[in-house]
Amino acid sequence: MAKVSVTLKVFPEDPSGLKALKAAIGKVVDIQEAKEEDIGFGVKALVIRFLTDEGGGVDAIEEKIAAIEGVSQVQVTSVDRAEI
């Protein structure tokens, strides 16, 4: 089965807790890349990229991450077939 590369933008409830949020998300998915993105007015988001099975469904992963304490909102920004 092929892999897909998924990029999510995770908005925290508190921008100072991005490191703890990244650690919690790392327990749900194997993070390939993570970076902070300035949104404006002191608001930051965590942009993460991870690989998953093509048939696994991104919605379930998105729901698990949204349920993490400290997460305000999750947006899927891209889903592409991964070149491994």
N, C-alpha and C. Protein backbone atom coordinates (compact mmCIF):
# COMPACT_ATOMS: atom_id res chain seq x y z
N MET A 1 0.85 -1.18 0.00
CA MET A 1 0.00 0.00 0.00
C MET A 1 0.89 1.24 0.00
N ALA A 2 0.49 2.24 -0.73
CA ALA A 2 1.25 3.47 -0.84
C ALA A 2 1.11 4.31 0.43
N LYS A 3 2.03 5.20 0.61
CA LYS A 3 1.99 6.14 1.73
C LYS A 3 1.56 7.52 1.21
N VAL A 4 0.95 8.29 2.08
CA VAL A 4 0.62 9.67 1.76
C VAL A 4 1.28 10.59 2.77
N SER A 5 1.66 11.75 2.29
CA SER A 5 2.23 12.79 3.14
C SER A 5 1.11 13.76 3.48
N VAL A 6 0.89 13.95 4.78
CA VAL A 6 -0.19 14.81 5.25
C VAL A 6 0.42 15.99 5.98
N THR A 7 -0.06 17.18 5.66
CA THR A 7 0.37 18.39 6.37
C THR A 7 -0.84 18.98 7.08
N LEU A 8 -0.67 19.21 8.38
CA LEU A 8 -1.73 19.79 9.21
C LEU A 8 -1.25 21.10 9.81
N LYS A 9 -2.17 22.00 9.97
CA LYS A 9 -1.90 23.24 10.71
C LYS A 9 -2.70 23.13 12.01
N VAL A 10 -1.99 23.12 13.12
CA VAL A 10 -2.61 22.94 14.43
C VAL A 10 -2.54 24.27 15.18
N PHE A 11 -3.70 24.78 15.54
CA PHE A 11 -3.78 26.03 16.29
C PHE A 11 -3.92 25.71 17.77
N PRO A 12 -3.00 26.21 18.60
CA PRO A 12 -3.08 25.94 20.03
C PRO A 12 -4.01 26.92 20.74
N GLU A 13 -4.49 26.50 21.89
CA GLU A 13 -5.27 27.42 22.73
C GLU A 13 -4.36 28.47 23.32
N ASP A 14 -3.10 28.08 23.62
CA ASP A 14 -2.10 28.97 24.20
C ASP A 14 -0.81 28.86 23.38
N PRO A 15 -0.40 29.93 22.70
CA PRO A 15 0.79 29.87 21.85
C PRO A 15 2.08 29.53 22.59
N SER A 16 2.11 29.69 23.90
CA SER A 16 3.33 29.38 24.65
C SER A 16 3.51 27.88 24.87
N GLY A 17 2.50 27.08 24.54
CA GLY A 17 2.57 25.65 24.78
C GLY A 17 2.85 24.83 23.53
N LEU A 18 3.52 25.40 22.54
CA LEU A 18 3.75 24.69 21.29
C LEU A 18 4.65 23.47 21.45
N LYS A 19 5.66 23.54 22.32
CA LYS A 19 6.56 22.39 22.50
C LYS A 19 5.83 21.21 23.10
N ALA A 20 5.01 21.46 24.10
CA ALA A 20 4.23 20.39 24.73
C ALA A 20 3.21 19.83 23.75
N LEU A 21 2.64 20.69 22.93
CA LEU A 21 1.67 20.26 21.94
C LEU A 21 2.34 19.37 20.89
N LYS A 22 3.53 19.75 20.47
CA LYS A 22 4.27 18.94 19.50
C LYS A 22 4.56 17.55 20.08
N ALA A 23 4.94 17.49 21.33
CA ALA A 23 5.23 16.21 21.98
C ALA A 23 3.97 15.35 22.04
N ALA A 24 2.83 15.95 22.35
CA ALA A 24 1.58 15.20 22.42
C ALA A 24 1.16 14.69 21.05
N ILE A 25 1.35 15.49 20.02
CA ILE A 25 1.01 15.08 18.66
C ILE A 25 1.95 13.96 18.21
N GLY A 26 3.20 14.01 18.66
CA GLY A 26 4.17 12.97 18.34
C GLY A 26 3.79 11.61 18.88
N LYS A 27 2.91 11.57 19.86
CA LYS A 27 2.41 10.29 20.38
C LYS A 27 1.30 9.71 19.50
N VAL A 28 0.70 10.56 18.66
CA VAL A 28 -0.38 10.13 17.77
C VAL A 28 0.16 9.75 16.40
N VAL A 29 1.10 10.54 15.87
CA VAL A 29 1.68 10.29 14.55
C VAL A 29 3.20 10.41 14.63
N ASP A 30 3.87 9.84 13.65
CA ASP A 30 5.32 9.95 13.54
C ASP A 30 5.63 11.21 12.73
N ILE A 31 5.95 12.29 13.43
CA ILE A 31 6.16 13.59 12.79
C ILE A 31 7.43 13.55 11.95
N GLN A 32 7.31 13.90 10.68
CA GLN A 32 8.45 13.99 9.77
C GLN A 32 9.07 15.38 9.82
N GLU A 33 8.22 16.38 9.98
CA GLU A 33 8.68 17.77 10.00
C GLU A 33 7.70 18.59 10.83
N ALA A 34 8.21 19.53 11.59
CA ALA A 34 7.36 20.43 12.37
C ALA A 34 7.99 21.81 12.40
N LYS A 35 7.15 22.82 12.24
CA LYS A 35 7.65 24.19 12.33
C LYS A 35 6.54 25.09 12.86
N GLU A 36 6.95 26.19 13.43
CA GLU A 36 6.00 27.18 13.93
C GLU A 36 5.73 28.19 12.83
N GLU A 37 4.49 28.62 12.76
CA GLU A 37 4.11 29.62 11.75
C GLU A 37 3.42 30.77 12.46
N ASP A 38 3.91 31.98 12.23
CA ASP A 38 3.27 33.17 12.78
C ASP A 38 2.01 33.47 11.99
N ILE A 39 0.91 33.59 12.70
CA ILE A 39 -0.36 33.90 12.07
C ILE A 39 -0.61 35.41 12.12
N GLY A 40 -0.25 36.03 13.23
CA GLY A 40 -0.43 37.46 13.41
C GLY A 40 -0.93 37.77 14.79
N PHE A 41 -0.61 38.95 15.28
CA PHE A 41 -1.05 39.42 16.59
C PHE A 41 -0.65 38.47 17.70
N GLY A 42 0.52 37.85 17.59
CA GLY A 42 1.01 36.95 18.62
C GLY A 42 0.48 35.54 18.53
N VAL A 43 -0.37 35.28 17.56
CA VAL A 43 -0.94 33.95 17.38
C VAL A 43 0.01 33.12 16.52
N LYS A 44 0.29 31.89 16.97
CA LYS A 44 1.16 30.99 16.23
C LYS A 44 0.44 29.67 16.02
N ALA A 45 0.82 28.98 14.96
CA ALA A 45 0.29 27.65 14.68
C ALA A 45 1.46 26.71 14.52
N LEU A 46 1.21 25.45 14.72
CA LEU A 46 2.22 24.42 14.52
C LEU A 46 1.87 23.69 13.23
N VAL A 47 2.79 23.72 12.27
CA VAL A 47 2.58 23.05 10.99
C VAL A 47 3.37 21.74 11.06
N ILE A 48 2.67 20.63 10.94
CA ILE A 48 3.34 19.33 11.03
C ILE A 48 3.09 18.53 9.75
N ARG A 49 4.08 17.72 9.41
CA ARG A 49 3.97 16.82 8.26
C ARG A 49 4.30 15.42 8.74
N PHE A 50 3.49 14.46 8.32
CA PHE A 50 3.71 13.06 8.69
C PHE A 50 3.27 12.16 7.56
N LEU A 51 3.70 10.92 7.60
CA LEU A 51 3.32 9.91 6.61
C LEU A 51 2.31 8.96 7.23
N THR A 52 1.37 8.50 6.40
CA THR A 52 0.40 7.51 6.84
C THR A 52 0.04 6.63 5.64
N ASP A 53 -0.61 5.50 5.90
CA ASP A 53 -1.04 4.63 4.82
C ASP A 53 -2.14 5.30 4.01
N GLU A 54 -2.12 5.04 2.73
CA GLU A 54 -3.07 5.68 1.82
C GLU A 54 -4.52 5.35 2.18
N GLY A 55 -4.78 4.14 2.58
CA GLY A 55 -6.15 3.74 2.90
C GLY A 55 -6.55 4.01 4.33
N GLY A 56 -5.64 4.56 5.13
CA GLY A 56 -5.90 4.74 6.56
C GLY A 56 -6.89 5.83 6.91
N GLY A 57 -7.04 6.80 6.05
CA GLY A 57 -7.97 7.89 6.33
C GLY A 57 -7.36 8.95 7.21
N VAL A 58 -7.42 10.16 6.76
CA VAL A 58 -6.84 11.29 7.49
C VAL A 58 -7.80 11.83 8.53
N ASP A 59 -9.09 11.63 8.32
CA ASP A 59 -10.10 12.18 9.23
C ASP A 59 -9.94 11.67 10.66
N ALA A 60 -9.66 10.38 10.80
CA ALA A 60 -9.52 9.80 12.14
C ALA A 60 -8.31 10.39 12.86
N ILE A 61 -7.22 10.59 12.12
CA ILE A 61 -6.02 11.18 12.72
C ILE A 61 -6.30 12.63 13.10
N GLU A 62 -6.98 13.35 12.23
CA GLU A 62 -7.32 14.75 12.51
C GLU A 62 -8.16 14.85 13.78
N GLU A 63 -9.11 13.94 13.95
CA GLU A 63 -9.97 13.94 15.14
C GLU A 63 -9.16 13.64 16.40
N LYS A 64 -8.21 12.70 16.32
CA LYS A 64 -7.37 12.38 17.48
C LYS A 64 -6.54 13.58 17.90
N ILE A 65 -5.98 14.29 16.92
CA ILE A 65 -5.16 15.46 17.23
C ILE A 65 -6.03 16.59 17.78
N ALA A 66 -7.22 16.77 17.22
CA ALA A 66 -8.13 17.81 17.70
C ALA A 66 -8.57 17.56 19.14
N ALA A 67 -8.56 16.28 19.56
CA ALA A 67 -8.99 15.93 20.91
C ALA A 67 -7.89 16.13 21.95
N ILE A 68 -6.67 16.42 21.52
CA ILE A 68 -5.57 16.64 22.45
C ILE A 68 -5.82 17.92 23.24
N GLU A 69 -5.59 17.84 24.54
CA GLU A 69 -5.76 19.02 25.39
C GLU A 69 -4.82 20.13 24.93
N GLY A 70 -5.35 21.32 24.76
CA GLY A 70 -4.56 22.47 24.34
C GLY A 70 -4.68 22.78 22.85
N VAL A 71 -5.37 21.93 22.10
CA VAL A 71 -5.57 22.18 20.67
C VAL A 71 -6.88 22.94 20.49
N SER A 72 -6.80 24.05 19.80
CA SER A 72 -7.98 24.85 19.51
C SER A 72 -8.64 24.41 18.21
N GLN A 73 -7.81 24.20 17.17
CA GLN A 73 -8.35 23.86 15.85
C GLN A 73 -7.29 23.13 15.05
N VAL A 74 -7.72 22.27 14.12
CA VAL A 74 -6.82 21.54 13.24
C VAL A 74 -7.31 21.70 11.81
N GLN A 75 -6.40 22.04 10.89
CA GLN A 75 -6.74 22.15 9.48
C GLN A 75 -5.81 21.24 8.67
N VAL A 76 -6.37 20.44 7.79
CA VAL A 76 -5.55 19.66 6.85
C VAL A 76 -5.23 20.63 5.71
N THR A 77 -3.93 20.86 5.49
CA THR A 77 -3.54 21.79 4.43
C THR A 77 -3.12 21.09 3.15
N SER A 78 -2.65 19.82 3.27
CA SER A 78 -2.34 19.08 2.05
C SER A 78 -2.25 17.58 2.34
N VAL A 79 -2.62 16.81 1.32
CA VAL A 79 -2.50 15.36 1.34
C VAL A 79 -1.96 14.97 -0.03
N ASP A 80 -0.75 14.45 -0.07
CA ASP A 80 -0.10 14.09 -1.33
C ASP A 80 0.46 12.70 -1.23
N ARG A 81 0.51 12.01 -2.34
CA ARG A 81 1.15 10.70 -2.37
C ARG A 81 2.64 10.89 -2.11
N ALA A 82 3.17 10.13 -1.18
CA ALA A 82 4.56 10.27 -0.77
C ALA A 82 5.48 9.52 -1.71
N GLU A 83 6.63 10.12 -1.99
CA GLU A 83 7.66 9.46 -2.78
C GLU A 83 8.70 8.94 -1.81
N ILE A 84 8.70 7.63 -1.63
CA ILE A 84 9.62 7.03 -0.66
C ILE A 84 10.73 6.32 -1.39
